[in-house]
PDB file of N, CA and C in Angstrom:
ATOM      1  N   MET A   1      10.873  87.863 172.686  1.00  0.00           N
ATOM      2  CA  MET A   1      12.004  87.890 171.758  1.00  0.00           C
ATOM      3  C   MET A   1      11.548  88.514 170.445  1.00  0.00           C
ATOM      4  N   ASP A   2      12.331  89.436 169.933  1.00  0.00           N
ATOM      5  CA  ASP A   2      12.035  90.116 168.674  1.00  0.00           C
ATOM      6  C   ASP A   2      12.149  89.124 167.522  1.00  0.00           C
ATOM      7  N   SER A   3      11.168  89.131 166.622  1.00  0.00           N
ATOM      8  CA  SER A   3      11.171  88.189 165.503  1.00  0.00           C
ATOM      9  C   SER A   3      12.226  88.533 164.462  1.00  0.00           C
ATOM     10  N   ARG A   4      12.954  89.634 164.672  1.00  0.00           N
ATOM     11  CA  ARG A   4      13.997  90.034 163.731  1.00  0.00           C
ATOM     12  C   ARG A   4      15.396  89.740 164.271  1.00  0.00           C
ATOM     13  N   ARG A   5      15.508  88.876 165.255  1.00  0.00           N
ATOM     14  CA  ARG A   5      16.824  88.580 165.849  1.00  0.00           C
ATOM     15  C   ARG A   5      17.681  87.797 164.854  1.00  0.00           C
ATOM     16  N   ILE A   6      18.895  88.279 164.682  1.00  0.00           N
ATOM     17  CA  ILE A   6      19.842  87.713 163.727  1.00  0.00           C
ATOM     18  C   ILE A   6      21.010  87.091 164.479  1.00  0.00           C
ATOM     19  N   LEU A   7      21.577  86.043 163.911  1.00  0.00           N
ATOM     20  CA  LEU A   7      22.779  85.416 164.441  1.00  0.00           C
ATOM     21  C   LEU A   7      23.978  85.933 163.656  1.00  0.00           C
ATOM     22  N   LEU A   8      24.970  86.458 164.365  1.00  0.00           N
ATOM     23  CA  LEU A   8      26.240  86.850 163.765  1.00  0.00           C
ATOM     24  C   LEU A   8      27.271  85.790 164.100  1.00  0.00           C
ATOM     25  N   VAL A   9      27.872  85.214 163.088  1.00  0.00           N
ATOM     26  CA  VAL A   9      28.936  84.230 163.300  1.00  0.00           C
ATOM     27  C   VAL A   9      30.216  84.882 162.766  1.00  0.00           C
ATOM     28  N   GLU A  10      31.015  85.397 163.692  1.00  0.00           N
ATOM     29  CA  GLU A  10      32.205  86.184 163.343  1.00  0.00           C
ATOM     30  C   GLU A  10      33.248  85.969 164.425  1.00  0.00           C
ATOM     31  N   ASP A  11      34.441  85.546 164.020  1.00  0.00           N
ATOM     32  CA  ASP A  11      35.483  85.255 164.998  1.00  0.00           C
ATOM     33  C   ASP A  11      36.307  86.473 165.400  1.00  0.00           C
ATOM     34  N   ASP A  12      36.223  87.551 164.660  1.00  0.00           N
ATOM     35  CA  ASP A  12      36.972  88.765 164.988  1.00  0.00           C
ATOM     36  C   ASP A  12      36.105  89.653 165.886  1.00  0.00           C
ATOM     37  N   VAL A  13      36.523  89.835 167.126  1.00  0.00           N
ATOM     38  CA  VAL A  13      35.727  90.566 168.116  1.00  0.00           C
ATOM     39  C   VAL A  13      35.450  92.000 167.669  1.00  0.00           C
ATOM     40  N   LEU A  14      36.446  92.672 167.100  1.00  0.00           N
ATOM     41  CA  LEU A  14      36.248  94.059 166.676  1.00  0.00           C
ATOM     42  C   LEU A  14      35.234  94.168 165.536  1.00  0.00           C
ATOM     43  N   ILE A  15      35.289  93.231 164.588  1.00  0.00           N
ATOM     44  CA  ILE A  15      34.303  93.224 163.499  1.00  0.00           C
ATOM     45  C   ILE A  15      32.919  92.940 164.064  1.00  0.00           C
ATOM     46  N   GLY A  16      32.829  92.023 165.017  1.00  0.00           N
ATOM     47  CA  GLY A  16      31.551  91.737 165.661  1.00  0.00           C
ATOM     48  C   GLY A  16      30.983  92.971 166.344  1.00  0.00           C
ATOM     49  N   MET A  17      31.840  93.718 167.026  1.00  0.00           N
ATOM     50  CA  MET A  17      31.390  94.944 167.704  1.00  0.00           C
ATOM     51  C   MET A  17      30.897  95.973 166.676  1.00  0.00           C
ATOM     52  N   MET A  18      31.595  96.090 165.561  1.00  0.00           N
ATOM     53  CA  MET A  18      31.186  97.012 164.520  1.00  0.00           C
ATOM     54  C   MET A  18      29.820  96.616 163.946  1.00  0.00           C
ATOM     55  N   LEU A  19      29.610  95.325 163.758  1.00  0.00           N
ATOM     56  CA  LEU A  19      28.319  94.862 163.250  1.00  0.00           C
ATOM     57  C   LEU A  19      27.199  95.138 164.249  1.00  0.00           C
ATOM     58  N   VAL A  20      27.467  94.938 165.525  1.00  0.00           N
ATOM     59  CA  VAL A  20      26.460  95.251 166.549  1.00  0.00           C
ATOM     60  C   VAL A  20      26.098  96.734 166.484  1.00  0.00           C
ATOM     61  N   ASP A  21      27.094  97.589 166.300  1.00  0.00           N
ATOM     62  CA  ASP A  21      26.834  99.027 166.152  1.00  0.00           C
ATOM     63  C   ASP A  21      25.977  99.302 164.921  1.00  0.00           C
ATOM     64  N   MET A  22      26.219  98.586 163.836  1.00  0.00           N
ATOM     65  CA  MET A  22      25.406  98.756 162.627  1.00  0.00           C
ATOM     66  C   MET A  22      23.963  98.335 162.889  1.00  0.00           C
ATOM     67  N   PHE A  23      23.786  97.239 163.612  1.00  0.00           N
ATOM     68  CA  PHE A  23      22.428  96.793 163.952  1.00  0.00           C
ATOM     69  C   PHE A  23      21.723  97.874 164.765  1.00  0.00           C
ATOM     70  N   ASP A  24      22.432  98.463 165.713  1.00  0.00           N
ATOM     71  CA  ASP A  24      21.863  99.528 166.532  1.00  0.00           C
ATOM     72  C   ASP A  24      21.467 100.712 165.647  1.00  0.00           C
ATOM     73  N   ALA A  25      22.332 101.106 164.724  1.00  0.00           N
ATOM     74  CA  ALA A  25      22.046 102.223 163.825  1.00  0.00           C
ATOM     75  C   ALA A  25      20.839 101.930 162.937  1.00  0.00           C
ATOM     76  N   LEU A  26      20.618 100.647 162.629  1.00  0.00           N
ATOM     77  CA  LEU A  26      19.472 100.243 161.808  1.00  0.00           C
ATOM     78  C   LEU A  26      18.229  99.977 162.656  1.00  0.00           C
ATOM     79  N   ASP A  27      18.319 100.257 163.956  1.00  0.00           N
ATOM     80  CA  ASP A  27      17.211 100.061 164.894  1.00  0.00           C
ATOM     81  C   ASP A  27      16.744  98.601 164.939  1.00  0.00           C
ATOM     82  N   LEU A  28      17.716  97.705 164.938  1.00  0.00           N
ATOM     83  CA  LEU A  28      17.437  96.276 165.027  1.00  0.00           C
ATOM     84  C   LEU A  28      17.855  95.762 166.393  1.00  0.00           C
ATOM     85  N   PRO A  29      17.241  94.657 166.836  1.00  0.00           N
ATOM     86  CA  PRO A  29      17.627  94.101 168.141  1.00  0.00           C
ATOM     87  C   PRO A  29      19.074  93.627 168.129  1.00  0.00           C
ATOM     88  N   GLU A  30      19.665  93.596 169.310  1.00  0.00           N
ATOM     89  CA  GLU A  30      21.035  93.106 169.418  1.00  0.00           C
ATOM     90  C   GLU A  30      21.090  91.668 168.917  1.00  0.00           C
ATOM     91  N   PRO A  31      22.033  91.367 168.039  1.00  0.00           N
ATOM     92  CA  PRO A  31      22.098  90.016 167.486  1.00  0.00           C
ATOM     93  C   PRO A  31      22.674  89.002 168.471  1.00  0.00           C
ATOM     94  N   ALA A  32      22.320  87.752 168.240  1.00  0.00           N
ATOM     95  CA  ALA A  32      23.005  86.657 168.927  1.00  0.00           C
ATOM     96  C   ALA A  32      24.383  86.580 168.281  1.00  0.00           C
ATOM     97  N   GLN A  33      25.409  86.231 169.063  1.00  0.00           N
ATOM     98  CA  GLN A  33      26.753  86.207 168.511  1.00  0.00           C
ATOM     99  C   GLN A  33      27.475  84.913 168.835  1.00  0.00           C
ATOM    100  N   ALA A  34      28.223  84.442 167.836  1.00  0.00           N
ATOM    101  CA  ALA A  34      29.041  83.246 168.006  1.00  0.00           C
ATOM    102  C   ALA A  34      30.373  83.488 167.320  1.00  0.00           C
ATOM    103  N   THR A  35      31.426  82.908 167.878  1.00  0.00           N
ATOM    104  CA  THR A  35      32.752  83.071 167.287  1.00  0.00           C
ATOM    105  C   THR A  35      33.290  81.769 166.691  1.00  0.00           C
ATOM    106  N   SER A  36      32.493  80.699 166.770  1.00  0.00           N
ATOM    107  CA  SER A  36      32.929  79.402 166.245  1.00  0.00           C
ATOM    108  C   SER A  36      31.720  78.618 165.748  1.00  0.00           C
ATOM    109  N   ASN A  37      31.992  77.572 164.984  1.00  0.00           N
ATOM    110  CA  ASN A  37      30.906  76.689 164.546  1.00  0.00           C
ATOM    111  C   ASN A  37      30.161  76.114 165.745  1.00  0.00           C
ATOM    112  N   GLU A  38      30.903  75.663 166.736  1.00  0.00           N
ATOM    113  CA  GLU A  38      30.286  75.036 167.909  1.00  0.00           C
ATOM    114  C   GLU A  38      29.307  75.988 168.601  1.00  0.00           C
ATOM    115  N   GLU A  39      29.742  77.226 168.839  1.00  0.00           N
ATOM    116  CA  GLU A  39      28.859  78.211 169.482  1.00  0.00           C
ATOM    117  C   GLU A  39      27.638  78.504 168.611  1.00  0.00           C
ATOM    118  N   ALA A  40      27.860  78.667 167.315  1.00  0.00           N
ATOM    119  CA  ALA A  40      26.757  78.987 166.408  1.00  0.00           C
ATOM    120  C   ALA A  40      25.737  77.855 166.359  1.00  0.00           C
ATOM    121  N   LEU A  41      26.203  76.625 166.279  1.00  0.00           N
ATOM    122  CA  LEU A  41      25.286  75.481 166.219  1.00  0.00           C
ATOM    123  C   LEU A  41      24.462  75.370 167.495  1.00  0.00           C
ATOM    124  N   ALA A  42      25.056  75.698 168.636  1.00  0.00           N
ATOM    125  CA  ALA A  42      24.315  75.671 169.900  1.00  0.00           C
ATOM    126  C   ALA A  42      23.216  76.736 169.896  1.00  0.00           C
ATOM    127  N   ILE A  43      23.513  77.906 169.378  1.00  0.00           N
ATOM    128  CA  ILE A  43      22.506  78.978 169.308  1.00  0.00           C
ATOM    129  C   ILE A  43      21.383  78.592 168.358  1.00  0.00           C
ATOM    130  N   ILE A  44      21.739  78.045 167.201  1.00  0.00           N
ATOM    131  CA  ILE A  44      20.725  77.631 166.221  1.00  0.00           C
ATOM    132  C   ILE A  44      19.785  76.596 166.831  1.00  0.00           C
ATOM    133  N   ALA A  45      20.332  75.686 167.623  1.00  0.00           N
ATOM    134  CA  ALA A  45      19.520  74.631 168.241  1.00  0.00           C
ATOM    135  C   ALA A  45      18.628  75.166 169.352  1.00  0.00           C
ATOM    136  N   ALA A  46      19.048  76.254 170.011  1.00  0.00           N
ATOM    137  CA  ALA A  46      18.353  76.708 171.213  1.00  0.00           C
ATOM    138  C   ALA A  46      17.482  77.944 171.028  1.00  0.00           C
ATOM    139  N   GLU A  47      17.747  78.746 170.009  1.00  0.00           N
ATOM    140  CA  GLU A  47      17.044  80.023 169.881  1.00  0.00           C
ATOM    141  C   GLU A  47      16.298  80.129 168.560  1.00  0.00           C
ATOM    142  N   SER A  48      15.314  80.997 168.550  1.00  0.00           N
ATOM    143  CA  SER A  48      14.599  81.318 167.322  1.00  0.00           C
ATOM    144  C   SER A  48      15.286  82.522 166.689  1.00  0.00           C
ATOM    145  N   ILE A  49      15.793  82.338 165.478  1.00  0.00           N
ATOM    146  CA  ILE A  49      16.461  83.440 164.803  1.00  0.00           C
ATOM    147  C   ILE A  49      15.840  83.633 163.420  1.00  0.00           C
ATOM    148  N   ALA A  50      15.882  84.881 162.943  1.00  0.00           N
ATOM    149  CA  ALA A  50      15.265  85.229 161.663  1.00  0.00           C
ATOM    150  C   ALA A  50      16.227  85.091 160.494  1.00  0.00           C
ATOM    151  N   GLY A  51      17.507  84.991 160.790  1.00  0.00           N
ATOM    152  CA  GLY A  51      18.512  84.884 159.748  1.00  0.00           C
ATOM    153  C   GLY A  51      19.886  84.927 160.364  1.00  0.00           C
ATOM    154  N   ALA A  52      20.903  84.847 159.511  1.00  0.00           N
ATOM    155  CA  ALA A  52      22.268  84.837 160.027  1.00  0.00           C
ATOM    156  C   ALA A  52      23.242  85.417 159.005  1.00  0.00           C
ATOM    157  N   LEU A  53      24.294  86.005 159.539  1.00  0.00           N
ATOM    158  CA  LEU A  53      25.458  86.408 158.758  1.00  0.00           C
ATOM    159  C   LEU A  53      26.593  85.500 159.211  1.00  0.00           C
ATOM    160  N   VAL A  54      27.113  84.697 158.297  1.00  0.00           N
ATOM    161  CA  VAL A  54      28.082  83.657 158.642  1.00  0.00           C
ATOM    162  C   VAL A  54      29.423  83.941 157.977  1.00  0.00           C
ATOM    163  N   ASP A  55      30.423  84.232 158.789  1.00  0.00           N
ATOM    164  CA  ASP A  55      31.775  84.417 158.267  1.00  0.00           C
ATOM    165  C   ASP A  55      32.268  83.074 157.740  1.00  0.00           C
ATOM    166  N   ILE A  56      32.820  83.082 156.546  1.00  0.00           N
ATOM    167  CA  ILE A  56      33.315  81.833 155.967  1.00  0.00           C
ATOM    168  C   ILE A  56      34.513  81.319 156.741  1.00  0.00           C
ATOM    169  N   ASN A  57      35.408  82.213 157.140  1.00  0.00           N
ATOM    170  CA  ASN A  57      36.634  81.811 157.835  1.00  0.00           C
ATOM    171  C   ASN A  57      36.519  82.104 159.325  1.00  0.00           C
ATOM    172  N   LEU A  58      36.436  81.046 160.099  1.00  0.00           N
ATOM    173  CA  LEU A  58      36.324  81.144 161.555  1.00  0.00           C
ATOM    174  C   LEU A  58      37.588  80.545 162.164  1.00  0.00           C
ATOM    175  N   GLY A  59      38.629  81.343 162.246  1.00  0.00           N
ATOM    176  CA  GLY A  59      39.900  80.820 162.729  1.00  0.00           C
ATOM    177  C   GLY A  59      40.407  79.762 161.769  1.00  0.00           C
ATOM    178  N   ASP A  60      40.619  78.552 162.279  1.00  0.00           N
ATOM    179  CA  ASP A  60      41.124  77.456 161.448  1.00  0.00           C
ATOM    180  C   ASP A  60      40.010  76.638 160.803  1.00  0.00           C
ATOM    181  N   GLU A  61      38.760  77.043 161.005  1.00  0.00           N
ATOM    182  CA  GLU A  61      37.650  76.283 160.432  1.00  0.00           C
ATOM    183  C   GLU A  61      36.846  77.153 159.477  1.00  0.00           C
ATOM    184  N   LYS A  62      36.033  76.500 158.674  1.00  0.00           N
ATOM    185  CA  LYS A  62      35.126  77.174 157.749  1.00  0.00           C
ATOM    186  C   LYS A  62      33.721  77.132 158.333  1.00  0.00           C
ATOM    187  N   GLY A  63      32.879  78.064 157.937  1.00  0.00           N
ATOM    188  CA  GLY A  63      31.517  78.153 158.464  1.00  0.00           C
ATOM    189  C   GLY A  63      30.514  77.234 157.787  1.00  0.00           C
ATOM    190  N   TRP A  64      30.985  76.233 157.044  1.00  0.00           N
ATOM    191  CA  TRP A  64      30.068  75.362 156.302  1.00  0.00           C
ATOM    192  C   TRP A  64      29.098  74.591 157.199  1.00  0.00           C
ATOM    193  N   PRO A  65      29.508  74.060 158.361  1.00  0.00           N
ATOM    194  CA  PRO A  65      28.534  73.357 159.207  1.00  0.00           C
ATOM    195  C   PRO A  65      27.383  74.265 159.651  1.00  0.00           C
ATOM    196  N   VAL A  66      27.681  75.523 159.905  1.00  0.00           N
ATOM    197  CA  VAL A  66      26.631  76.479 160.291  1.00  0.00           C
ATOM    198  C   VAL A  66      25.698  76.712 159.107  1.00  0.00           C
ATOM    199  N   ALA A  67      26.273  76.901 157.930  1.00  0.00           N
ATOM    200  CA  ALA A  67      25.460  77.107 156.726  1.00  0.00           C
ATOM    201  C   ALA A  67      24.535  75.911 156.497  1.00  0.00           C
ATOM    202  N   ASP A  68      25.068  74.703 156.648  1.00  0.00           N
ATOM    203  CA  ASP A  68      24.248  73.500 156.458  1.00  0.00           C
ATOM    204  C   ASP A  68      23.109  73.437 157.467  1.00  0.00           C
ATOM    205  N   ALA A  69      23.397  73.757 158.731  1.00  0.00           N
ATOM    206  CA  ALA A  69      22.365  73.715 159.776  1.00  0.00           C
ATOM    207  C   ALA A  69      21.283  74.758 159.514  1.00  0.00           C
ATOM    208  N   LEU A  70      21.677  75.938 159.083  1.00  0.00           N
ATOM    209  CA  LEU A  70      20.690  76.983 158.768  1.00  0.00           C
ATOM    210  C   LEU A  70      19.828  76.565 157.588  1.00  0.00           C
ATOM    211  N   ALA A  71      20.451  76.016 156.551  1.00  0.00           N
ATOM    212  CA  ALA A  71      19.709  75.579 155.368  1.00  0.00           C
ATOM    213  C   ALA A  71      18.715  74.476 155.719  1.00  0.00           C
ATOM    214  N   GLU A  72      19.127  73.534 156.585  1.00  0.00           N
ATOM    215  CA  GLU A  72      18.234  72.446 156.999  1.00  0.00           C
ATOM    216  C   GLU A  72      16.987  72.975 157.702  1.00  0.00           C
ATOM    217  N   ARG A  73      17.141  74.099 158.407  1.00  0.00           N
ATOM    218  CA  ARG A  73      16.023  74.686 159.152  1.00  0.00           C
ATOM    219  C   ARG A  73      15.313  75.778 158.353  1.00  0.00           C
ATOM    220  N   ASP A  74      15.726  75.971 157.109  1.00  0.00           N
ATOM    221  CA  ASP A  74      15.140  76.980 156.224  1.00  0.00           C
ATOM    222  C   ASP A  74      15.247  78.391 156.814  1.00  0.00           C
ATOM    223  N   ILE A  75      16.377  78.666 157.463  1.00  0.00           N
ATOM    224  CA  ILE A  75      16.659  79.990 158.016  1.00  0.00           C
ATOM    225  C   ILE A  75      17.529  80.724 157.006  1.00  0.00           C
ATOM    226  N   PRO A  76      17.092  81.898 156.542  1.00  0.00           N
ATOM    227  CA  PRO A  76      17.895  82.616 155.551  1.00  0.00           C
ATOM    228  C   PRO A  76      19.225  83.091 156.132  1.00  0.00           C
ATOM    229  N   PHE A  77      20.240  83.107 155.282  1.00  0.00           N
ATOM    230  CA  PHE A  77      21.550  83.582 155.744  1.00  0.00           C
ATOM    231  C   PHE A  77      22.364  84.068 154.559  1.00  0.00           C
ATOM    232  N   ALA A  78      23.389  84.827 154.897  1.00  0.00           N
ATOM    233  CA  ALA A  78      24.369  85.284 153.911  1.00  0.00           C
ATOM    234  C   ALA A  78      25.750  84.990 154.467  1.00  0.00           C
ATOM    235  N   PHE A  79      26.683  84.779 153.575  1.00  0.00           N
ATOM    236  CA  PHE A  79      28.062  84.601 153.982  1.00  0.00           C
ATOM    237  C   PHE A  79      28.738  85.965 154.055  1.00  0.00           C
ATOM    238  N   THR A  80      29.765  86.045 154.900  1.00  0.00           N
ATOM    239  CA  THR A  80      30.628  87.215 154.932  1.00  0.00           C
ATOM    240  C   THR A  80      32.056  86.730 154.712  1.00  0.00           C
ATOM    241  N   SER A  81      32.855  87.587 154.072  1.00  0.00           N
ATOM    242  CA  SER A  81      34.226  87.173 153.780  1.00  0.00           C
ATOM    243  C   SER A  81      35.082  88.382 153.449  1.00  0.00           C
ATOM    244  N   GLY A  82      36.351  88.232 153.741  1.00  0.00           N
ATOM    245  CA  GLY A  82      37.331  89.230 153.337  1.00  0.00           C
ATOM    246  C   GLY A  82      37.801  89.017 151.912  1.00  0.00           C
ATOM    247  N   GLY A  83      37.328  87.947 151.275  1.00  0.00           N
ATOM    248  CA  GLY A  83      37.656  87.697 149.875  1.00  0.00           C
ATOM    249  C   GLY A  83      38.453  86.434 149.662  1.00  0.00           C
ATOM    250  N   GLY A  84      38.407  85.945 148.426  1.00  0.00           N
ATOM    251  CA  GLY A  84      39.198  84.793 148.032  1.00  0.00           C
ATOM    252  C   GLY A  84      38.615  83.444 148.386  1.00  0.00           C
ATOM    253  N   ASP A  85      37.382  83.409 148.854  1.00  0.00           N
ATOM    254  CA  ASP A  85      36.780  82.133 149.255  1.00  0.00           C
ATOM    255  C   ASP A  85      35.877  81.593 148.155  1.00  0.00           C
ATOM    256  N   VAL A  86      35.824  80.279 148.046  1.00  0.00           N
ATOM    257  CA  VAL A  86      34.933  79.610 147.111  1.00  0.00           C
ATOM    258  C   VAL A  86      33.810  78.979 147.921  1.00  0.00           C
ATOM    259  N   ILE A  87      32.597  79.373 147.615  1.00  0.00           N
ATOM    260  CA  ILE A  87      31.426  78.852 148.325  1.00  0.00           C
ATOM    261  C   ILE A  87      31.045  77.509 147.704  1.00  0.00           C
ATOM    262  N   PRO A  88      30.789  76.483 148.526  1.00  0.00           N
ATOM    263  CA  PRO A  88      30.395  75.174 147.990  1.00  0.00           C
ATOM    264  C   PRO A  88      29.124  75.286 147.130  1.00  0.00           C
ATOM    265  N   SER A  89      29.011  74.415 146.155  1.00  0.00           N
ATOM    266  CA  SER A  89      27.894  74.478 145.211  1.00  0.00           C
ATOM    267  C   SER A  89      26.533  74.427 145.904  1.00  0.00           C
ATOM    268  N   ALA A  90      26.424  73.714 147.019  1.00  0.00           N
ATOM    269  CA  ALA A  90      25.142  73.639 147.728  1.00  0.00           C
ATOM    270  C   ALA A  90      24.674  75.002 148.231  1.00  0.00           C
ATOM    271  N   HIS A  91      25.600  75.928 148.390  1.00  0.00           N
ATOM    272  CA  HIS A  91      25.263  77.256 148.903  1.00  0.00           C
ATOM    273  C   HIS A  91      25.661  78.376 147.938  1.00  0.00           C
ATOM    274  N   ALA A  92      25.954  78.023 146.700  1.00  0.00           N
ATOM    275  CA  ALA A  92      26.432  79.021 145.731  1.00  0.00           C
ATOM    276  C   ALA A  92      25.416  80.131 145.477  1.00  0.00           C
ATOM    277  N   HIS A  93      24.148  79.875 145.723  1.00  0.00           N
ATOM    278  CA  HIS A  93      23.102  80.879 145.492  1.00  0.00           C
ATOM    279  C   HIS A  93      22.984  81.886 146.644  1.00  0.00           C
ATOM    280  N   ARG A  94      23.715  81.669 147.714  1.00  0.00           N
ATOM    281  CA  ARG A  94      23.632  82.561 148.880  1.00  0.00           C
ATOM    282  C   ARG A  94      24.366  83.873 148.611  1.00  0.00           C
ATOM    283  N   ARG A  95      23.863  84.907 149.218  1.00  0.00           N
ATOM    284  CA  ARG A  95      24.491  86.223 149.114  1.00  0.00           C
ATOM    285  C   ARG A  95      25.835  86.199 149.837  1.00  0.00           C
ATOM    286  N   LEU A  96      26.779  86.948 149.281  1.00  0.00           N
ATOM    287  CA  LEU A  96      28.082  87.129 149.905  1.00  0.00           C
ATOM    288  C   LEU A  96      28.249  88.614 150.185  1.00  0.00           C
ATOM    289  N   VAL A  97      28.466  88.955 151.455  1.00  0.00           N
ATOM    290  CA  VAL A  97      28.706  90.337 151.861  1.00  0.00           C
ATOM    291  C   VAL A  97      30.198  90.447 152.142  1.00  0.00           C
ATOM    292  N   ASN A  98      30.863  91.271 151.369  1.00  0.00           N
ATOM    293  CA  ASN A  98      32.316  91.398 151.481  1.00  0.00           C
ATOM    294  C   ASN A  98      32.733  92.391 152.554  1.00  0.00           C
ATOM    295  N   LYS A  99      33.862  92.076 153.177  1.00  0.00           N
ATOM    296  CA  LYS A  99      34.488  92.984 154.133  1.00  0.00           C
ATOM    297  C   LYS A  99      35.420  93.904 153.352  1.00  0.00           C
ATOM    298  N   PRO A 100      35.601  95.135 153.749  1.00  0.00           N
ATOM    299  CA  PRO A 100      34.994  95.777 154.909  1.00  0.00           C
ATOM    300  C   PRO A 100      33.507  96.037 154.661  1.00  0.00           C
ATOM    301  N   PHE A 101      32.728  95.886 155.714  1.00  0.00           N
ATOM    302  CA  PHE A 101      31.281  96.025 155.610  1.00  0.00           C
ATOM    303  C   PHE A 101      30.866  97.469 155.421  1.00  0.00           C
ATOM    304  N   ARG A 102      29.807  97.622 154.639  1.00  0.00           N
ATOM    305  CA  ARG A 102      29.130  98.918 154.519  1.00  0.00           C
ATOM    306  C   ARG A 102      27.720  98.697 155.049  1.00  0.00           C
ATOM    307  N   ILE A 103      27.230  99.666 155.780  1.00  0.00           N
ATOM    308  CA  ILE A 103      25.922  99.505 156.422  1.00  0.00           C
ATOM    309  C   ILE A 103      24.818  99.243 155.396  1.00  0.00           C
ATOM    310  N   ASN A 104      24.923  99.816 154.204  1.00  0.00           N
ATOM    311  CA  ASN A 104      23.898  99.582 153.178  1.00  0.00           C
ATOM    312  C   ASN A 104      23.867  98.125 152.739  1.00  0.00           C
ATOM    313  N   ASP A 105      25.037  97.487 152.653  1.00  0.00           N
ATOM    314  CA  ASP A 105      25.097  96.071 152.273  1.00  0.00           C
ATOM    315  C   ASP A 105      24.494  95.183 153.363  1.00  0.00           C
ATOM    316  N   ILE A 106      24.785  95.520 154.610  1.00  0.00           N
ATOM    317  CA  ILE A 106      24.220  94.759 155.733  1.00  0.00           C
ATOM    318  C   ILE A 106      22.701  94.935 155.750  1.00  0.00           C
ATOM    319  N   GLU A 107      22.241  96.164 155.613  1.00  0.00           N
ATOM    320  CA  GLU A 107      20.802  96.436 155.625  1.00  0.00           C
ATOM    321  C   GLU A 107      20.093  95.700 154.489  1.00  0.00           C
ATOM    322  N   SER A 108      20.679  95.687 153.310  1.00  0.00           N
ATOM    323  CA  SER A 108      20.080  95.000 152.171  1.00  0.00           C
ATOM    324  C   SER A 108      19.956  93.499 152.423  1.00  0.00           C
ATOM    325  N   ALA A 109      21.005  92.889 152.952  1.00  0.00           N
ATOM    326  CA  ALA A 109      20.966  91.451 153.255  1.00  0.00           C
ATOM    327  C   ALA A 109      19.892  91.148 154.294  1.00  0.00           C
ATOM    328  N   LEU A 110      19.833  91.960 155.346  1.00  0.00           N
ATOM    329  CA  LEU A 110      18.856  91.726 156.408  1.00  0.00           C
ATOM    330  C   LEU A 110      17.431  91.924 155.899  1.00  0.00           C
ATOM    331  N   ASN A 111      17.227  92.903 155.062  1.00  0.00           N
ATOM    332  CA  ASN A 111      15.891  93.121 154.507  1.00  0.00           C
ATOM    333  C   ASN A 111      15.421  91.927 153.691  1.00  0.00           C
ATOM    334  N   GLU A 112      16.351  91.259 153.006  1.00  0.00           N
ATOM    335  CA  GLU A 112      15.996  90.033 152.285  1.00  0.00           C
ATOM    336  C   GLU A 112      15.515  88.952 153.254  1.00  0.00           C
ATOM    337  N   PHE A 113      16.186  88.844 154.415  1.00  0.00           N
ATOM    338  CA  PHE A 113      15.777  87.850 155.415  1.00  0.00           C
ATOM    339  C   PHE A 113      14.359  88.144 155.902  1.00  0.00           C
ATOM    340  N   PHE A 114      14.094  89.399 156.220  1.00  0.00           N
ATOM    341  CA  PHE A 114      12.809  89.775 156.801  1.00  0.00           C
ATOM    342  C   PHE A 114      11.673  89.684 155.801  1.00  0.00           C
ATOM    343  N   ALA A 115      11.992  89.722 154.510  1.00  0.00           N
ATOM    344  CA  ALA A 115      10.968  89.640 153.466  1.00  0.00           C
ATOM    345  C   ALA A 115      10.491  88.207 153.259  1.00  0.00           C
ATOM    346  N   LYS A 116      11.238  87.241 153.801  1.00  0.00           N
ATOM    347  CA  LYS A 116      10.880  85.818 153.595  1.00  0.00           C
ATOM    348  C   LYS A 116       9.836  85.371 154.581  1.00  0.00           C
TER     349      LYS A 116
END
């Protein structure tokens, strides 16, 4: 398993596909993918990941449980959002990558993960 494997937590399939294409363009391994808190928490418990991009809005739920689980395991992550979200104070220091995504923003966030 590549030590640079990232978890993508994104409920929109098309956005997830676009992010996978960005990872490919950046010559990174295919990310683990989850569309809900439940799926993401199962991946975090079962796999070794180097970081995560966590969409704040996952259908009718927020990505806070995933953020808490990543923080507990000291796994770096950034939030993603289409805007208008307030990040809880416990995670206010986390990077926010706004949609629509630009490959430079994704690359910058991932490079921060790999530098840790």
